[in-house]
Amino acid sequence: MDIPGASKNEGANIIQWSCHGGSNQDWELTYTSDKKAILVASNSKLALTVDKGSKNNLALYVQQKYASLPNQHFEIKKEGDVFKIISPYSAKCGDVSGNSKANGVKILQVRFIN
């Protein structure tokens, strides 16, 4: 996951990008007392957030100031060599739009099956 242009602005979209070692691709992982994951971007110190608290499919992942909101807490589920980021608030999973492999594609949430 990448923050385009290493933006430090609230509301900046989260995208996929080839790994390049920049701090805009580093995420600090901590947990709440009830074991929900909080992901904070190293470069901006802003938290991964489901935009506008949406529970809808295709709602975007953005960065916002951490405020302990339900749309900023996630479950990280390991399945084999893959990690899923799931929003318990919306019961949806993080996804790359259109299953694209291209740089710059936005990360959003879709219905979680399983």
C-alpha atoms as a PDB file:
ATOM      1  CA  MET A   1       0.000   0.000   0.000  1.00  0.00           C
ATOM      2  CA  ASP A   2       1.312   3.410  -0.978  1.00  0.00           C
ATOM      3  CA  ILE A   3       0.374   7.041  -0.379  1.00  0.00           C
ATOM      4  CA  PRO A   4       0.747   8.833  -3.724  1.00  0.00           C
ATOM      5  CA  GLY A   5       3.437  11.473  -3.830  1.00  0.00           C
ATOM      6  CA  ALA A   6       4.186  10.775  -0.152  1.00  0.00           C
ATOM      7  CA  SER A   7       1.235  13.038   0.648  1.00  0.00           C
ATOM      8  CA  LYS A   8       0.740  14.061   4.257  1.00  0.00           C
ATOM      9  CA  ASN A   9      -2.767  15.366   3.583  1.00  0.00           C
ATOM     10  CA  GLU A  10      -5.803  13.931   5.295  1.00  0.00           C
ATOM     11  CA  GLY A  11      -8.066  12.212   2.791  1.00  0.00           C
ATOM     12  CA  ALA A  12      -5.249  11.136   0.448  1.00  0.00           C
ATOM     13  CA  ASN A  13      -6.185   7.881  -1.268  1.00  0.00           C
ATOM     14  CA  ILE A  14      -4.304   4.681  -0.598  1.00  0.00           C
ATOM     15  CA  ILE A  15      -3.047   3.000  -3.776  1.00  0.00           C
ATOM     16  CA  GLN A  16      -0.949   0.067  -4.816  1.00  0.00           C
ATOM     17  CA  TRP A  17       2.543   0.717  -6.153  1.00  0.00           C
ATOM     18  CA  SER A  18       5.639  -1.327  -6.803  1.00  0.00           C
ATOM     19  CA  CYS A  19       7.803  -1.516  -3.698  1.00  0.00           C
ATOM     20  CA  HIS A  20      10.524   1.139  -3.755  1.00  0.00           C
ATOM     21  CA  GLY A  21      11.530   1.471  -0.096  1.00  0.00           C
ATOM     22  CA  GLY A  22       9.921   4.871   0.472  1.00  0.00           C
ATOM     23  CA  SER A  23       8.436   5.771   3.838  1.00  0.00           C
ATOM     24  CA  ASN A  24       5.091   6.343   2.098  1.00  0.00           C
ATOM     25  CA  GLN A  25       4.895   2.544   1.803  1.00  0.00           C
ATOM     26  CA  ASP A  26       5.825   1.817   5.425  1.00  0.00           C
ATOM     27  CA  TRP A  27       3.008   1.227   7.894  1.00  0.00           C
ATOM     28  CA  GLU A  28       3.281   1.062  11.675  1.00  0.00           C
ATOM     29  CA  LEU A  29       1.082  -1.649  13.136  1.00  0.00           C
ATOM     30  CA  THR A  30      -0.339  -1.436  16.654  1.00  0.00           C
ATOM     31  CA  TYR A  31      -3.338  -3.037  18.301  1.00  0.00           C
ATOM     32  CA  THR A  32      -6.262  -1.822  20.382  1.00  0.00           C
ATOM     33  CA  SER A  33      -7.064  -3.490  23.692  1.00  0.00           C
ATOM     34  CA  ASP A  34      -9.621  -5.657  21.870  1.00  0.00           C
ATOM     35  CA  LYS A  35      -6.971  -6.760  19.348  1.00  0.00           C
ATOM     36  CA  LYS A  36      -8.039  -4.645  16.373  1.00  0.00           C
ATOM     37  CA  ALA A  37      -5.187  -3.499  14.136  1.00  0.00           C
ATOM     38  CA  ILE A  38      -4.361   0.174  13.628  1.00  0.00           C
ATOM     39  CA  LEU A  39      -2.186   0.956  10.600  1.00  0.00           C
ATOM     40  CA  VAL A  40      -0.430   4.318  10.600  1.00  0.00           C
ATOM     41  CA  ALA A  41       1.588   5.558   7.631  1.00  0.00           C
ATOM     42  CA  SER A  42       5.197   6.191   8.641  1.00  0.00           C
ATOM     43  CA  ASN A  43       5.620   9.293   6.489  1.00  0.00           C
ATOM     44  CA  SER A  44       2.379  11.106   7.383  1.00  0.00           C
ATOM     45  CA  LYS A  45       1.502   9.651  10.813  1.00  0.00           C
ATOM     46  CA  LEU A  46      -2.091   9.319   9.535  1.00  0.00           C
ATOM     47  CA  ALA A  47      -4.173   6.170   9.941  1.00  0.00           C
ATOM     48  CA  LEU A  48      -5.605   3.842   7.339  1.00  0.00           C
ATOM     49  CA  THR A  49      -9.319   4.658   7.271  1.00  0.00           C
ATOM     50  CA  VAL A  50     -12.382   3.537   5.324  1.00  0.00           C
ATOM     51  CA  ASP A  51     -13.449   6.833   3.753  1.00  0.00           C
ATOM     52  CA  LYS A  52     -16.359   8.651   5.413  1.00  0.00           C
ATOM     53  CA  GLY A  53     -17.128   5.658   7.625  1.00  0.00           C
ATOM     54  CA  SER A  54     -18.805   3.942   4.704  1.00  0.00           C
ATOM     55  CA  LYS A  55     -20.021   0.364   4.946  1.00  0.00           C
ATOM     56  CA  ASN A  56     -20.594   0.206   1.182  1.00  0.00           C
ATOM     57  CA  ASN A  57     -18.745  -1.871  -1.371  1.00  0.00           C
ATOM     58  CA  LEU A  58     -16.125   0.163  -3.257  1.00  0.00           C
ATOM     59  CA  ALA A  59     -15.591   2.685  -0.435  1.00  0.00           C
ATOM     60  CA  LEU A  60     -12.008   3.907  -0.690  1.00  0.00           C
ATOM     61  CA  TYR A  61      -9.187   3.518   1.789  1.00  0.00           C
ATOM     62  CA  VAL A  62      -7.720   6.898   2.701  1.00  0.00           C
ATOM     63  CA  GLN A  63      -5.455   8.298   5.397  1.00  0.00           C
ATOM     64  CA  GLN A  64      -6.925  10.355   8.239  1.00  0.00           C
ATOM     65  CA  LYS A  65      -5.879  11.525  11.691  1.00  0.00           C
ATOM     66  CA  TYR A  66      -6.373   8.648  14.096  1.00  0.00           C
ATOM     67  CA  ALA A  67      -9.474   9.193  16.235  1.00  0.00           C
ATOM     68  CA  SER A  68     -10.185   5.630  17.427  1.00  0.00           C
ATOM     69  CA  LEU A  69     -13.117   5.378  15.024  1.00  0.00           C
ATOM     70  CA  PRO A  70     -14.528   1.962  14.074  1.00  0.00           C
ATOM     71  CA  ASN A  71     -13.617   2.575  10.408  1.00  0.00           C
ATOM     72  CA  GLN A  72      -9.951   2.874  11.470  1.00  0.00           C
ATOM     73  CA  HIS A  73      -9.760  -0.550  13.120  1.00  0.00           C
ATOM     74  CA  PHE A  74      -9.000  -3.675  11.140  1.00  0.00           C
ATOM     75  CA  GLU A  75      -8.454  -7.383  11.468  1.00  0.00           C
ATOM     76  CA  ILE A  76      -5.416  -8.815   9.758  1.00  0.00           C
ATOM     77  CA  LYS A  77      -6.011 -12.402   8.784  1.00  0.00           C
ATOM     78  CA  LYS A  78      -3.212 -14.641   7.500  1.00  0.00           C
ATOM     79  CA  GLU A  79      -4.167 -17.321   5.006  1.00  0.00           C
ATOM     80  CA  GLY A  80      -1.101 -19.181   3.794  1.00  0.00           C
ATOM     81  CA  ASP A  81       1.315 -16.575   2.423  1.00  0.00           C
ATOM     82  CA  VAL A  82      -1.444 -13.963   2.036  1.00  0.00           C
ATOM     83  CA  PHE A  83      -2.666 -11.368   4.517  1.00  0.00           C
ATOM     84  CA  LYS A  84      -6.189  -9.951   4.351  1.00  0.00           C
ATOM     85  CA  ILE A  85      -7.115  -6.582   5.817  1.00  0.00           C
ATOM     86  CA  ILE A  86     -10.719  -6.736   6.993  1.00  0.00           C
ATOM     87  CA  SER A  87     -12.862  -3.968   8.435  1.00  0.00           C
ATOM     88  CA  PRO A  88     -14.986  -5.470  11.235  1.00  0.00           C
ATOM     89  CA  TYR A  89     -17.061  -2.264  11.096  1.00  0.00           C
ATOM     90  CA  SER A  90     -18.194  -2.891   7.517  1.00  0.00           C
ATOM     91  CA  ALA A  91     -17.467  -6.647   7.334  1.00  0.00           C
ATOM     92  CA  LYS A  92     -15.579  -5.926   4.105  1.00  0.00           C
ATOM     93  CA  CYS A  93     -12.106  -6.771   2.897  1.00  0.00           C
ATOM     94  CA  GLY A  94      -9.453  -4.466   1.423  1.00  0.00           C
ATOM     95  CA  ASP A  95      -9.101  -4.975  -2.324  1.00  0.00           C
ATOM     96  CA  VAL A  96      -7.297  -3.605  -5.356  1.00  0.00           C
ATOM     97  CA  SER A  97      -9.819  -2.096  -7.755  1.00  0.00           C
ATOM     98  CA  GLY A  98     -10.544  -4.445 -10.655  1.00  0.00           C
ATOM     99  CA  ASN A  99      -7.870  -6.933  -9.537  1.00  0.00           C
ATOM    100  CA  SER A 100      -5.430  -4.716 -11.395  1.00  0.00           C
ATOM    101  CA  LYS A 101      -1.671  -5.155 -11.146  1.00  0.00           C
ATOM    102  CA  ALA A 102      -0.990  -1.603 -12.349  1.00  0.00           C
ATOM    103  CA  ASN A 103       0.676   1.083 -10.264  1.00  0.00           C
ATOM    104  CA  GLY A 104      -1.641   3.795  -8.998  1.00  0.00           C
ATOM    105  CA  VAL A 105      -4.797   1.714  -8.625  1.00  0.00           C
ATOM    106  CA  LYS A 106      -6.852   2.672  -5.563  1.00  0.00           C
ATOM    107  CA  ILE A 107      -7.409   0.380  -2.602  1.00  0.00           C
ATOM    108  CA  LEU A 108     -11.053  -0.017  -1.625  1.00  0.00           C
ATOM    109  CA  GLN A 109     -13.301  -2.358   0.314  1.00  0.00           C
ATOM    110  CA  VAL A 110     -15.463  -5.140  -1.060  1.00  0.00           C
ATOM    111  CA  ARG A 111     -17.701  -7.773   0.424  1.00  0.00           C
ATOM    112  CA  PHE A 112     -15.758 -10.257   2.517  1.00  0.00           C
ATOM    113  CA  ILE A 113     -16.490 -13.870   1.638  1.00  0.00           C
ATOM    114  CA  ASN A 114     -15.381 -16.520   4.122  1.00  0.00           C
END
